[in-house]
Amino acid sequence: MVFPVIDLVQTGANICNLRKAAGLSVHDLQLAFGFNSPQAIYKWQNGTALPTVDNLLALASLLHVRMDDIIITKQPFS
C-alpha cells in the first residue's frame, strides 16, 4: 500500500501564503508561539521543518483554517 507523504516545500509555501492572507507577520507568529527568535517559523515557511502537532493545531487556529488546509501532500514514487 502506498501512503501520501508531506511535501515540505509546498507546505512551507502554503504556511507563508496562509499567514499573509490572515494578515499576520512572522513576528506576530513568533509572539503568539512565545519563540525567542523567528527561526522556527522561517524553517516552516522554507520547507526545512514542520511544526509539531501541537504547534500545527495552534497555527491552524491562528490562521482560521483546519490542519488539513495547511499540509500539502504528494504521492511517493513507486
Protein backbone atom coordinates (compact mmCIF):
# COMPACT_ATOMS: atom_id res chain seq x y z
CA MET A 1 0.00 0.00 0.00
CA VAL A 2 1.28 3.46 -0.91
CA PHE A 3 0.62 6.32 1.51
CA PRO A 4 0.89 10.01 0.71
CA VAL A 5 3.80 11.96 2.15
CA ILE A 6 4.01 15.59 3.23
CA ASP A 7 5.52 17.88 0.62
CA LEU A 8 7.69 20.04 2.87
CA VAL A 9 8.38 22.79 0.34
CA GLN A 10 4.76 23.16 -0.77
CA THR A 11 3.54 23.02 2.83
CA GLY A 12 6.01 25.74 3.74
CA ALA A 13 4.85 27.92 0.87
CA ASN A 14 1.27 27.28 1.95
CA ILE A 15 2.04 28.34 5.53
CA CYS A 16 3.53 31.57 4.18
CA ASN A 17 0.53 32.25 1.93
CA LEU A 18 -1.99 31.47 4.68
CA ARG A 19 -0.09 33.66 7.14
CA LYS A 20 -0.15 36.58 4.72
CA ALA A 21 -3.84 36.00 3.93
CA ALA A 22 -4.58 36.13 7.66
CA GLY A 23 -2.76 39.47 7.86
CA LEU A 24 -0.09 38.12 10.20
CA SER A 25 3.64 38.74 10.10
CA VAL A 26 6.37 36.28 11.02
CA HIS A 27 6.88 38.41 14.13
CA ASP A 28 3.18 38.02 15.02
CA LEU A 29 3.54 34.23 14.90
CA GLN A 30 6.78 34.39 16.88
CA LEU A 31 4.98 36.29 19.64
CA ALA A 32 1.93 34.02 19.54
CA PHE A 33 4.09 30.92 19.97
CA GLY A 34 6.38 32.54 22.51
CA PHE A 35 9.51 31.78 20.49
CA ASN A 36 12.69 33.71 21.33
CA SER A 37 13.51 34.04 17.63
CA PRO A 38 11.59 33.63 14.37
CA GLN A 39 13.89 30.84 13.11
CA ALA A 40 11.34 28.04 13.59
CA ILE A 41 8.72 29.92 11.59
CA TYR A 42 11.18 30.62 8.79
CA LYS A 43 12.09 26.91 8.76
CA TRP A 44 8.40 26.03 8.45
CA GLN A 45 7.97 28.51 5.58
CA ASN A 46 11.14 27.37 3.80
CA GLY A 47 10.10 23.74 4.00
CA THR A 48 13.09 22.64 6.07
CA ALA A 49 10.98 21.73 9.11
CA LEU A 50 7.38 21.10 10.07
CA PRO A 51 5.55 22.40 13.11
CA THR A 52 4.99 19.85 15.85
CA VAL A 53 1.44 18.54 16.01
CA ASP A 54 0.52 20.84 18.90
CA ASN A 55 2.05 23.83 17.09
CA LEU A 56 0.26 22.81 13.90
CA LEU A 57 -3.04 22.80 15.78
CA ALA A 58 -2.29 26.26 17.23
CA LEU A 59 -1.19 27.53 13.80
CA ALA A 60 -4.43 26.34 12.24
CA SER A 61 -6.37 28.21 14.90
CA LEU A 62 -4.34 31.39 14.38
CA LEU A 63 -4.82 31.18 10.60
CA HIS A 64 -8.54 30.27 10.90
CA VAL A 65 -8.11 27.08 8.86
CA ARG A 66 -8.10 23.34 9.52
CA MET A 67 -4.83 21.47 9.96
CA ASP A 68 -5.60 19.65 6.70
CA ASP A 69 -5.69 23.01 4.93
CA ILE A 70 -2.08 23.68 5.92
CA ILE A 71 -0.46 20.38 4.96
CA ILE A 72 0.19 19.67 1.28
CA THR A 73 0.74 16.02 0.40
CA LYS A 74 2.12 14.19 -2.60
CA GLN A 75 2.20 10.61 -3.71
CA PRO A 76 5.60 8.99 -3.24
CA PHE A 77 7.40 7.46 -6.17
CA SER A 78 6.55 3.79 -6.57
